PDB file of N, CA and C in Angstrom:
ATOM      1  N   UNK A   1      79.014-156.903  33.135  1.00  0.00           N
ATOM      2  CA  UNK A   1      78.335-156.397  34.174  1.00  0.00           C
ATOM      3  C   UNK A   1      79.190-155.280  34.878  1.00  0.00           C
ATOM      4  N   UNK A   2      78.572-154.026  34.704  1.00  0.00           N
ATOM      5  CA  UNK A   2      79.168-153.071  35.450  1.00  0.00           C
ATOM      6  C   UNK A   2      79.029-152.965  36.845  1.00  0.00           C
ATOM      7  N   UNK A   3      80.055-152.600  37.664  1.00  0.00           N
ATOM      8  CA  UNK A   3      79.914-152.398  39.052  1.00  0.00           C
ATOM      9  C   UNK A   3      79.395-150.891  39.290  1.00  0.00           C
ATOM     10  N   UNK A   4      78.235-150.947  40.362  1.00  0.00           N
ATOM     11  CA  UNK A   4      77.569-149.789  40.685  1.00  0.00           C
ATOM     12  C   UNK A   4      78.540-149.060  41.837  1.00  0.00           C
ATOM     13  N   UNK A   5      78.919-147.826  41.403  1.00  0.00           N
ATOM     14  CA  UNK A   5      79.719-147.075  42.730  1.00  0.00           C
ATOM     15  C   UNK A   5      78.854-146.809  43.899  1.00  0.00           C
ATOM     16  N   UNK A   6      79.320-146.738  44.997  1.00  0.00           N
ATOM     17  CA  UNK A   6      78.703-146.236  46.220  1.00  0.00           C
ATOM     18  C   UNK A   6      78.391-145.035  46.285  1.00  0.00           C
ATOM     19  N   UNK A   7      77.386-144.544  46.685  1.00  0.00           N
ATOM     20  CA  UNK A   7      77.188-143.041  46.691  1.00  0.00           C
ATOM     21  C   UNK A   7      76.826-142.529  48.194  1.00  0.00           C
ATOM     22  N   UNK A   8      76.824-141.220  48.413  1.00  0.00           N
ATOM     23  CA  UNK A   8      76.277-140.587  49.742  1.00  0.00           C
ATOM     24  C   UNK A   8      75.286-139.680  49.473  1.00  0.00           C
ATOM     25  N   UNK A   9      74.588-139.413  50.649  1.00  0.00           N
ATOM     26  CA  UNK A   9      73.625-138.297  50.399  1.00  0.00           C
ATOM     27  C   UNK A   9      73.630-137.680  51.755  1.00  0.00           C
ATOM     28  N   UNK A  10      73.521-136.146  51.531  1.00  0.00           N
ATOM     29  CA  UNK A  10      73.681-135.262  52.706  1.00  0.00           C
ATOM     30  C   UNK A  10      72.117-134.603  52.476  1.00  0.00           C
ATOM     31  N   UNK A  11      71.381-134.466  53.651  1.00  0.00           N
ATOM     32  CA  UNK A  11      70.472-133.596  53.626  1.00  0.00           C
ATOM     33  C   UNK A  11      70.690-132.654  54.921  1.00  0.00           C
ATOM     34  N   UNK A  12      70.147-131.344  54.275  1.00  0.00           N
ATOM     35  CA  UNK A  12      70.172-130.271  55.202  1.00  0.00           C
ATOM     36  C   UNK A  12      68.785-129.531  55.267  1.00  0.00           C
ATOM     37  N   UNK A  13      68.195-129.312  56.463  1.00  0.00           N
ATOM     38  CA  UNK A  13      66.891-128.650  56.752  1.00  0.00           C
ATOM     39  C   UNK A  13      67.288-127.350  56.978  1.00  0.00           C
ATOM     40  N   UNK A  14      66.841-126.502  56.487  1.00  0.00           N
ATOM     41  CA  UNK A  14      67.025-124.843  56.947  1.00  0.00           C
ATOM     42  C   UNK A  14      65.634-124.613  57.249  1.00  0.00           C
ATOM     43  N   UNK A  15      65.661-123.517  58.387  1.00  0.00           N
ATOM     44  CA  UNK A  15      64.401-123.055  58.803  1.00  0.00           C
ATOM     45  C   UNK A  15      64.567-121.703  59.303  1.00  0.00           C
ATOM     46  N   UNK A  16      63.730-120.552  58.738  1.00  0.00           N
ATOM     47  CA  UNK A  16      63.989-119.274  59.507  1.00  0.00           C
ATOM     48  C   UNK A  16      62.496-118.545  59.468  1.00  0.00           C
ATOM     49  N   UNK A  17      62.414-117.606  60.262  1.00  0.00           N
ATOM     50  CA  UNK A  17      61.356-116.693  60.111  1.00  0.00           C
ATOM     51  C   UNK A  17      61.341-115.987  59.088  1.00  0.00           C
ATOM     52  N   UNK A  18      62.635-115.633  58.623  1.00  0.00           N
ATOM     53  CA  UNK A  18      62.831-114.675  57.513  1.00  0.00           C
ATOM     54  C   UNK A  18      63.079-115.345  56.112  1.00  0.00           C
ATOM     55  N   UNK A  19      62.174-115.556  55.346  1.00  0.00           N
ATOM     56  CA  UNK A  19      62.330-116.398  54.062  1.00  0.00           C
ATOM     57  C   UNK A  19      63.422-115.723  52.994  1.00  0.00           C
ATOM     58  N   UNK A  20      63.558-114.428  53.090  1.00  0.00           N
ATOM     59  CA  UNK A  20      64.679-113.837  52.108  1.00  0.00           C
ATOM     60  C   UNK A  20      65.978-114.343  52.500  1.00  0.00           C
ATOM     61  N   UNK A  21      66.467-114.500  53.780  1.00  0.00           N
ATOM     62  CA  UNK A  21      67.793-114.846  54.368  1.00  0.00           C
ATOM     63  C   UNK A  21      67.686-116.334  53.854  1.00  0.00           C
ATOM     64  N   UNK A  22      66.714-117.220  53.962  1.00  0.00           N
ATOM     65  CA  UNK A  22      66.710-118.667  53.627  1.00  0.00           C
ATOM     66  C   UNK A  22      66.972-118.769  52.091  1.00  0.00           C
ATOM     67  N   UNK A  23      66.477-118.067  51.358  1.00  0.00           N
ATOM     68  CA  UNK A  23      66.809-118.099  49.790  1.00  0.00           C
ATOM     69  C   UNK A  23      68.352-117.700  49.577  1.00  0.00           C
ATOM     70  N   UNK A  24      68.827-116.739  50.330  1.00  0.00           N
ATOM     71  CA  UNK A  24      70.213-116.262  50.273  1.00  0.00           C
ATOM     72  C   UNK A  24      71.028-117.599  50.569  1.00  0.00           C
ATOM     73  N   UNK A  25      70.834-118.277  51.784  1.00  0.00           N
ATOM     74  CA  UNK A  25      71.527-119.568  52.105  1.00  0.00           C
ATOM     75  C   UNK A  25      71.196-120.599  50.892  1.00  0.00           C
ATOM     76  N   UNK A  26      70.123-120.868  50.581  1.00  0.00           N
ATOM     77  CA  UNK A  26      69.805-121.646  49.457  1.00  0.00           C
ATOM     78  C   UNK A  26      70.925-121.787  48.571  1.00  0.00           C
ATOM     79  N   UNK A  27      70.932-120.419  48.000  1.00  0.00           N
ATOM     80  CA  UNK A  27      72.091-120.154  46.829  1.00  0.00           C
ATOM     81  C   UNK A  27      73.332-120.479  47.145  1.00  0.00           C
ATOM     82  N   UNK A  28      73.834-120.270  48.464  1.00  0.00           N
ATOM     83  CA  UNK A  28      75.156-120.580  48.802  1.00  0.00           C
ATOM     84  C   UNK A  28      75.313-122.159  48.694  1.00  0.00           C
ATOM     85  N   UNK A  29      74.269-122.902  49.083  1.00  0.00           N
ATOM     86  CA  UNK A  29      74.424-124.317  49.148  1.00  0.00           C
ATOM     87  C   UNK A  29      74.560-124.791  47.779  1.00  0.00           C
ATOM     88  N   UNK A  30      73.873-124.212  46.988  1.00  0.00           N
ATOM     89  CA  UNK A  30      73.957-124.396  45.547  1.00  0.00           C
ATOM     90  C   UNK A  30      75.306-124.629  44.752  1.00  0.00           C
ATOM     91  N   UNK A  31      76.033-123.051  45.108  1.00  0.00           N
ATOM     92  CA  UNK A  31      77.425-122.810  44.837  1.00  0.00           C
ATOM     93  C   UNK A  31      78.134-123.943  45.097  1.00  0.00           C
ATOM     94  N   UNK A  32      77.993-124.445  46.550  1.00  0.00           N
ATOM     95  CA  UNK A  32      78.986-125.397  47.052  1.00  0.00           C
ATOM     96  C   UNK A  32      78.928-126.686  46.208  1.00  0.00           C
ATOM     97  N   UNK A  33      77.367-127.092  45.924  1.00  0.00           N
ATOM     98  CA  UNK A  33      77.139-128.329  45.052  1.00  0.00           C
ATOM     99  C   UNK A  33      77.689-128.326  43.816  1.00  0.00           C
ATOM    100  N   UNK A  34      77.872-126.963  43.087  1.00  0.00           N
ATOM    101  CA  UNK A  34      78.444-127.049  41.731  1.00  0.00           C
ATOM    102  C   UNK A  34      79.831-127.190  41.921  1.00  0.00           C
ATOM    103  N   UNK A  35      80.564-126.707  43.118  1.00  0.00           N
ATOM    104  CA  UNK A  35      81.902-126.622  43.206  1.00  0.00           C
ATOM    105  C   UNK A  35      82.339-128.182  43.410  1.00  0.00           C
ATOM    106  N   UNK A  36      81.715-128.854  44.284  1.00  0.00           N
ATOM    107  CA  UNK A  36      82.095-130.335  44.427  1.00  0.00           C
ATOM    108  C   UNK A  36      81.441-131.557  43.215  1.00  0.00           C
ATOM    109  N   UNK A  37      80.648-130.724  42.353  1.00  0.00           N
ATOM    110  CA  UNK A  37      80.135-131.755  41.386  1.00  0.00           C
ATOM    111  C   UNK A  37      78.968-132.546  42.149  1.00  0.00           C
ATOM    112  N   UNK A  38      78.188-132.158  43.003  1.00  0.00           N
ATOM    113  CA  UNK A  38      77.155-132.771  43.742  1.00  0.00           C
ATOM    114  C   UNK A  38      75.823-132.522  42.992  1.00  0.00           C
ATOM    115  N   UNK A  39      74.806-133.616  42.944  1.00  0.00           N
ATOM    116  CA  UNK A  39      73.640-133.185  42.507  1.00  0.00           C
ATOM    117  C   UNK A  39      72.854-132.469  43.528  1.00  0.00           C
ATOM    118  N   UNK A  40      72.187-131.359  43.236  1.00  0.00           N
ATOM    119  CA  UNK A  40      71.553-130.640  44.252  1.00  0.00           C
ATOM    120  C   UNK A  40      70.031-130.560  43.933  1.00  0.00           C
ATOM    121  N   UNK A  41      69.503-130.800  44.868  1.00  0.00           N
ATOM    122  CA  UNK A  41      67.820-130.639  44.658  1.00  0.00           C
ATOM    123  C   UNK A  41      67.205-129.889  46.062  1.00  0.00           C
ATOM    124  N   UNK A  42      66.405-129.168  45.930  1.00  0.00           N
ATOM    125  CA  UNK A  42      65.350-128.130  47.227  1.00  0.00           C
ATOM    126  C   UNK A  42      64.149-128.505  46.865  1.00  0.00           C
ATOM    127  N   UNK A  43      63.813-128.716  48.197  1.00  0.00           N
ATOM    128  CA  UNK A  43      62.397-128.824  48.352  1.00  0.00           C
ATOM    129  C   UNK A  43      61.860-128.047  49.138  1.00  0.00           C
ATOM    130  N   UNK A  44      60.953-126.995  48.773  1.00  0.00           N
ATOM    131  CA  UNK A  44      60.424-126.089  49.755  1.00  0.00           C
ATOM    132  C   UNK A  44      59.328-126.781  50.650  1.00  0.00           C
ATOM    133  N   UNK A  45      59.545-126.631  51.855  1.00  0.00           N
ATOM    134  CA  UNK A  45      58.343-127.407  52.905  1.00  0.00           C
ATOM    135  C   UNK A  45      57.401-126.503  53.255  1.00  0.00           C
ATOM    136  N   UNK A  46      56.023-126.795  53.771  1.00  0.00           N
ATOM    137  CA  UNK A  46      55.200-125.901  53.929  1.00  0.00           C
ATOM    138  C   UNK A  46      55.516-124.861  55.055  1.00  0.00           C
ATOM    139  N   UNK A  47      54.886-123.883  55.116  1.00  0.00           N
ATOM    140  CA  UNK A  47      55.095-122.699  56.150  1.00  0.00           C
ATOM    141  C   UNK A  47      54.315-123.005  57.279  1.00  0.00           C
ATOM    142  N   UNK A  48      55.102-122.910  58.312  1.00  0.00           N
ATOM    143  CA  UNK A  48      54.415-123.175  59.685  1.00  0.00           C
ATOM    144  C   UNK A  48      53.846-121.827  60.245  1.00  0.00           C
ATOM    145  N   UNK A  49      52.594-121.890  60.606  1.00  0.00           N
ATOM    146  CA  UNK A  49      51.874-120.517  60.918  1.00  0.00           C
ATOM    147  C   UNK A  49      51.419-120.767  62.193  1.00  0.00           C
ATOM    148  N   UNK A  50      51.842-119.908  63.297  1.00  0.00           N
ATOM    149  CA  UNK A  50      51.347-119.975  64.728  1.00  0.00           C
ATOM    150  C   UNK A  50      50.601-118.891  64.852  1.00  0.00           C
ATOM    151  N   UNK A  51      49.340-118.954  65.442  1.00  0.00           N
ATOM    152  CA  UNK A  51      48.492-117.454  65.710  1.00  0.00           C
ATOM    153  C   UNK A  51      48.375-117.512  67.285  1.00  0.00           C
ATOM    154  N   UNK A  52      48.568-116.259  67.948  1.00  0.00           N
ATOM    155  CA  UNK A  52      48.600-116.053  69.246  1.00  0.00           C
ATOM    156  C   UNK A  52      47.205-114.973  69.197  1.00  0.00           C
ATOM    157  N   UNK A  53      46.543-115.134  70.366  1.00  0.00           N
ATOM    158  CA  UNK A  53      45.299-114.207  70.580  1.00  0.00           C
ATOM    159  C   UNK A  53      45.309-113.606  71.987  1.00  0.00           C
ATOM    160  N   UNK A  54      45.654-112.455  72.412  1.00  0.00           N
ATOM    161  CA  UNK A  54      45.869-111.742  73.613  1.00  0.00           C
ATOM    162  C   UNK A  54      44.793-110.706  74.134  1.00  0.00           C
ATOM    163  N   UNK A  55      44.361-110.978  75.392  1.00  0.00           N
ATOM    164  CA  UNK A  55      43.262-109.918  75.761  1.00  0.00           C
ATOM    165  C   UNK A  55      43.999-108.732  75.934  1.00  0.00           C
ATOM    166  N   UNK A  56      43.582-107.473  75.339  1.00  0.00           N
ATOM    167  CA  UNK A  56      44.041-106.285  75.761  1.00  0.00           C
ATOM    168  C   UNK A  56      43.971-105.998  77.229  1.00  0.00           C
ATOM    169  N   UNK A  57      42.855-106.158  77.673  1.00  0.00           N
ATOM    170  CA  UNK A  57      42.133-106.053  79.000  1.00  0.00           C
ATOM    171  C   UNK A  57      41.478-107.060  79.692  1.00  0.00           C
ATOM    172  N   UNK A  58      42.285-107.799  80.416  1.00  0.00           N
ATOM    173  CA  UNK A  58      41.662-109.029  81.173  1.00  0.00           C
ATOM    174  C   UNK A  58      40.636-108.914  82.026  1.00  0.00           C
ATOM    175  N   UNK A  59      40.366-107.733  82.693  1.00  0.00           N
ATOM    176  CA  UNK A  59      39.292-107.244  83.414  1.00  0.00           C
ATOM    177  C   UNK A  59      38.133-107.241  82.858  1.00  0.00           C
ATOM    178  N   UNK A  60      37.698-106.066  82.089  1.00  0.00           N
ATOM    179  CA  UNK A  60      36.244-105.742  81.632  1.00  0.00           C
ATOM    180  C   UNK A  60      35.991-106.182  79.983  1.00  0.00           C
ATOM    181  N   UNK A  61      36.902-105.612  79.315  1.00  0.00           N
ATOM    182  CA  UNK A  61      36.559-105.851  77.924  1.00  0.00           C
ATOM    183  C   UNK A  61      36.998-107.282  77.260  1.00  0.00           C
ATOM    184  N   UNK A  62      36.242-108.124  77.133  1.00  0.00           N
ATOM    185  CA  UNK A  62      36.523-109.258  76.416  1.00  0.00           C
ATOM    186  C   UNK A  62      36.433-109.302  75.114  1.00  0.00           C
ATOM    187  N   UNK A  63      35.807-108.174  74.513  1.00  0.00           N
ATOM    188  CA  UNK A  63      35.981-108.211  73.033  1.00  0.00           C
ATOM    189  C   UNK A  63      37.353-107.460  72.441  1.00  0.00           C
ATOM    190  N   UNK A  64      37.922-106.861  73.295  1.00  0.00           N
ATOM    191  CA  UNK A  64      39.260-106.124  72.764  1.00  0.00           C
ATOM    192  C   UNK A  64      40.347-107.105  72.635  1.00  0.00           C
ATOM    193  N   UNK A  65      40.770-107.683  71.539  1.00  0.00           N
ATOM    194  CA  UNK A  65      41.933-108.776  71.664  1.00  0.00           C
ATOM    195  C   UNK A  65      42.867-108.179  70.397  1.00  0.00           C
ATOM    196  N   UNK A  66      44.160-108.596  70.824  1.00  0.00           N
ATOM    197  CA  UNK A  66      45.037-108.610  69.772  1.00  0.00           C
ATOM    198  C   UNK A  66      45.475-109.805  69.308  1.00  0.00           C
ATOM    199  N   UNK A  67      45.559-109.992  67.820  1.00  0.00           N
ATOM    200  CA  UNK A  67      46.143-111.367  67.509  1.00  0.00           C
ATOM    201  C   UNK A  67      47.442-111.075  66.511  1.00  0.00           C
ATOM    202  N   UNK A  68      48.276-112.224  66.941  1.00  0.00           N
ATOM    203  CA  UNK A  68      49.695-112.275  66.140  1.00  0.00           C
ATOM    204  C   UNK A  68      49.949-113.366  65.513  1.00  0.00           C
ATOM    205  N   UNK A  69      50.922-113.382  64.888  1.00  0.00           N
ATOM    206  CA  UNK A  69      50.991-114.691  63.844  1.00  0.00           C
ATOM    207  C   UNK A  69      52.254-114.678  63.555  1.00  0.00           C
ATOM    208  N   UNK A  70      53.145-116.065  63.911  1.00  0.00           N
ATOM    209  CA  UNK A  70      54.635-116.240  63.646  1.00  0.00           C
ATOM    210  C   UNK A  70      54.468-117.259  62.394  1.00  0.00           C
ATOM    211  N   UNK A  71      55.506-116.776  61.464  1.00  0.00           N
ATOM    212  CA  UNK A  71      55.336-117.970  60.196  1.00  0.00           C
ATOM    213  C   UNK A  71      56.914-118.396  60.333  1.00  0.00           C
ATOM    214  N   UNK A  72      57.077-119.726  60.072  1.00  0.00           N
ATOM    215  CA  UNK A  72      58.550-120.382  60.012  1.00  0.00           C
ATOM    216  C   UNK A  72      58.424-121.023  58.627  1.00  0.00           C
ATOM    217  N   UNK A  73      59.220-120.389  57.685  1.00  0.00           N
ATOM    218  CA  UNK A  73      59.566-120.913  56.358  1.00  0.00           C
ATOM    219  C   UNK A  73      60.806-121.940  56.692  1.00  0.00           C
ATOM    220  N   UNK A  74      60.704-123.115  55.775  1.00  0.00           N
ATOM    221  CA  UNK A  74      61.704-124.011  55.952  1.00  0.00           C
ATOM    222  C   UNK A  74      62.071-124.824  54.535  1.00  0.00           C
ATOM    223  N   UNK A  75      63.081-125.682  54.479  1.00  0.00           N
ATOM    224  CA  UNK A  75      63.210-126.108  53.167  1.00  0.00           C
ATOM    225  C   UNK A  75      64.193-127.171  53.345  1.00  0.00           C
ATOM    226  N   UNK A  76      64.096-128.198  52.485  1.00  0.00           N
ATOM    227  CA  UNK A  76      64.906-129.274  52.774  1.00  0.00           C
ATOM    228  C   UNK A  76      65.926-129.431  51.274  1.00  0.00           C
ATOM    229  N   UNK A  77      67.139-129.467  51.391  1.00  0.00           N
ATOM    230  CA  UNK A  77      68.386-129.488  50.479  1.00  0.00           C
ATOM    231  C   UNK A  77      68.820-130.817  50.520  1.00  0.00           C
ATOM    232  N   UNK A  78      68.779-131.512  49.209  1.00  0.00           N
ATOM    233  CA  UNK A  78      69.584-132.849  49.316  1.00  0.00           C
ATOM    234  C   UNK A  78      70.629-132.825  48.375  1.00  0.00           C
ATOM    235  N   UNK A  79      71.844-133.370  48.783  1.00  0.00           N
ATOM    236  CA  UNK A  79      73.010-133.327  48.191  1.00  0.00           C
ATOM    237  C   UNK A  79      73.526-134.585  47.675  1.00  0.00           C
ATOM    238  N   UNK A  80      73.851-135.067  46.620  1.00  0.00           N
ATOM    239  CA  UNK A  80      74.352-136.636  46.371  1.00  0.00           C
ATOM    240  C   UNK A  80      75.440-136.234  45.661  1.00  0.00           C
ATOM    241  N   UNK A  81      76.132-137.540  45.903  1.00  0.00           N
ATOM    242  CA  UNK A  81      77.358-137.518  44.959  1.00  0.00           C
ATOM    243  C   UNK A  81      78.314-138.924  45.220  1.00  0.00           C
ATOM    244  N   UNK A  82      79.098-139.294  44.578  1.00  0.00           N
ATOM    245  CA  UNK A  82      79.883-140.668  44.457  1.00  0.00           C
ATOM    246  C   UNK A  82      81.001-140.313  45.869  1.00  0.00           C
ATOM    247  N   UNK A  83      81.027-141.398  46.533  1.00  0.00           N
ATOM    248  CA  UNK A  83      82.180-141.588  47.664  1.00  0.00           C
ATOM    249  C   UNK A  83      83.377-141.228  47.098  1.00  0.00           C
ATOM    250  N   UNK A  84      83.769-141.416  45.774  1.00  0.00           N
ATOM    251  CA  UNK A  84      85.029-141.220  45.272  1.00  0.00           C
ATOM    252  C   UNK A  84      85.202-139.863  45.368  1.00  0.00           C
ATOM    253  N   UNK A  85      84.245-138.918  45.095  1.00  0.00           N
ATOM    254  CA  UNK A  85      84.251-137.523  45.148  1.00  0.00           C
ATOM    255  C   UNK A  85      84.084-136.764  46.473  1.00  0.00           C
ATOM    256  N   UNK A  86      84.007-137.735  47.500  1.00  0.00           N
ATOM    257  CA  UNK A  86      83.660-136.969  48.839  1.00  0.00           C
ATOM    258  C   UNK A  86      85.078-136.818  49.406  1.00  0.00           C
ATOM    259  N   UNK A  87      85.329-135.541  50.049  1.00  0.00           N
ATOM    260  CA  UNK A  87      86.546-135.369  50.953  1.00  0.00           C
ATOM    261  C   UNK A  87      86.009-134.321  52.071  1.00  0.00           C
ATOM    262  N   UNK A  88      87.057-134.250  52.922  1.00  0.00           N
ATOM    263  CA  UNK A  88      86.605-133.578  54.091  1.00  0.00           C
ATOM    264  C   UNK A  88      86.936-132.056  54.062  1.00  0.00           C
ATOM    265  N   UNK A  89      87.372-131.400  52.887  1.00  0.00           N
ATOM    266  CA  UNK A  89      86.908-130.197  52.803  1.00  0.00           C
ATOM    267  C   UNK A  89      85.408-129.618  52.432  1.00  0.00           C
ATOM    268  N   UNK A  90      84.772-130.571  52.021  1.00  0.00           N
ATOM    269  CA  UNK A  90      83.409-130.382  51.950  1.00  0.00           C
ATOM    270  C   UNK A  90      82.874-129.743  53.199  1.00  0.00           C
ATOM    271  N   UNK A  91      83.124-130.369  54.202  1.00  0.00           N
ATOM    272  CA  UNK A  91      82.586-130.072  55.671  1.00  0.00           C
ATOM    273  C   UNK A  91      83.085-128.778  56.042  1.00  0.00           C
ATOM    274  N   UNK A  92      84.245-128.445  55.715  1.00  0.00           N
ATOM    275  CA  UNK A  92      84.963-127.132  56.118  1.00  0.00           C
ATOM    276  C   UNK A  92      84.088-125.933  55.299  1.00  0.00           C
ATOM    277  N   UNK A  93      83.588-126.296  54.112  1.00  0.00           N
ATOM    278  CA  UNK A  93      82.580-125.237  53.169  1.00  0.00           C
ATOM    279  C   UNK A  93      81.490-125.297  54.040  1.00  0.00           C
ATOM    280  N   UNK A  94      80.810-126.444  54.437  1.00  0.00           N
ATOM    281  CA  UNK A  94      79.719-126.410  55.367  1.00  0.00           C
ATOM    282  C   UNK A  94      79.683-125.455  56.628  1.00  0.00           C
ATOM    283  N   UNK A  95      80.912-125.557  57.240  1.00  0.00           N
ATOM    284  CA  UNK A  95      80.957-124.987  58.626  1.00  0.00           C
ATOM    285  C   UNK A  95      81.109-123.592  58.298  1.00  0.00           C
ATOM    286  N   UNK A  96      81.534-122.887  57.043  1.00  0.00           N
ATOM    287  CA  UNK A  96      81.758-121.402  56.916  1.00  0.00           C
ATOM    288  C   UNK A  96      80.195-120.888  56.391  1.00  0.00           C
ATOM    289  N   UNK A  97      79.266-121.595  56.114  1.00  0.00           N
ATOM    290  CA  UNK A  97      77.747-121.279  55.866  1.00  0.00           C
ATOM    291  C   UNK A  97      77.053-121.140  57.181  1.00  0.00           C
ATOM    292  N   UNK A  98      76.898-119.930  57.767  1.00  0.00           N
ATOM    293  CA  UNK A  98      76.108-119.773  58.748  1.00  0.00           C
ATOM    294  C   UNK A  98      75.536-118.538  58.796  1.00  0.00           C
ATOM    295  N   UNK A  99      74.343-118.323  59.552  1.00  0.00           N
ATOM    296  CA  UNK A  99      73.463-117.197  59.621  1.00  0.00           C
ATOM    297  C   UNK A  99      72.701-117.294  60.852  1.00  0.00           C
ATOM    298  N   UNK A 100      72.744-116.138  61.591  1.00  0.00           N
ATOM    299  CA  UNK A 100      72.312-115.854  62.893  1.00  0.00           C
ATOM    300  C   UNK A 100      70.620-116.261  62.838  1.00  0.00           C
ATOM    301  N   UNK A 101      69.926-116.066  61.575  1.00  0.00           N
ATOM    302  CA  UNK A 101      68.673-116.353  61.686  1.00  0.00           C
ATOM    303  C   UNK A 101      67.909-117.507  61.055  1.00  0.00           C
ATOM    304  N   UNK A 102      68.832-118.284  60.805  1.00  0.00           N
ATOM    305  CA  UNK A 102      68.789-119.160  60.249  1.00  0.00           C
ATOM    306  C   UNK A 102      69.168-120.724  60.798  1.00  0.00           C
ATOM    307  N   UNK A 103      68.047-121.431  61.166  1.00  0.00           N
ATOM    308  CA  UNK A 103      68.480-122.866  61.911  1.00  0.00           C
ATOM    309  C   UNK A 103      69.003-123.911  60.888  1.00  0.00           C
ATOM    310  N   UNK A 104      69.996-124.588  60.955  1.00  0.00           N
ATOM    311  CA  UNK A 104      70.558-125.453  60.130  1.00  0.00           C
ATOM    312  C   UNK A 104      70.708-126.953  60.679  1.00  0.00           C
ATOM    313  N   UNK A 105      70.042-128.005  59.947  1.00  0.00           N
ATOM    314  CA  UNK A 105      70.287-129.294  60.549  1.00  0.00           C
ATOM    315  C   UNK A 105      71.009-130.119  59.414  1.00  0.00           C
ATOM    316  N   UNK A 106      72.093-130.918  59.622  1.00  0.00           N
ATOM    317  CA  UNK A 106      72.498-131.587  58.814  1.00  0.00           C
ATOM    318  C   UNK A 106      72.333-132.878  58.988  1.00  0.00           C
ATOM    319  N   UNK A 107      72.056-133.859  58.120  1.00  0.00           N
ATOM    320  CA  UNK A 107      72.085-135.225  58.222  1.00  0.00           C
ATOM    321  C   UNK A 107      72.899-135.919  56.840  1.00  0.00           C
ATOM    322  N   UNK A 108      73.723-136.820  57.600  1.00  0.00           N
ATOM    323  CA  UNK A 108      74.761-137.590  56.695  1.00  0.00           C
ATOM    324  C   UNK A 108      74.222-138.942  56.263  1.00  0.00           C
ATOM    325  N   UNK A 109      73.800-139.471  55.243  1.00  0.00           N
ATOM    326  CA  UNK A 109      73.514-140.921  54.977  1.00  0.00           C
ATOM    327  C   UNK A 109      74.224-141.598  53.906  1.00  0.00           C
ATOM    328  N   UNK A 110      74.415-142.644  54.182  1.00  0.00           N
ATOM    329  CA  UNK A 110      75.626-143.283  53.229  1.00  0.00           C
ATOM    330  C   UNK A 110      74.728-144.036  52.191  1.00  0.00           C
TER     331      UNK A 110
END
């Protein structure tokens, strides 16, 4: 009977107003996963849409309104690998991937 080697899983949630920058970061994460021989999977999450309606003139014209919409794109990246392949230089690579417009949340699971 073979022993099952223990594995680790890293989940990264990315969210941004700009979906193009989100795609660039996903490509960077994929390069890192190939470099460290990790299993890479990406899940696109639904786009959050928030709509705002503002009255142009609060005094007289109730019918004149402006409408705005904010879209937040997000995705979940799952990286899996064996604990024997894990080293701390992996986290140094993670620290180098940053963007001003993209929010990153990292979850490490055993």
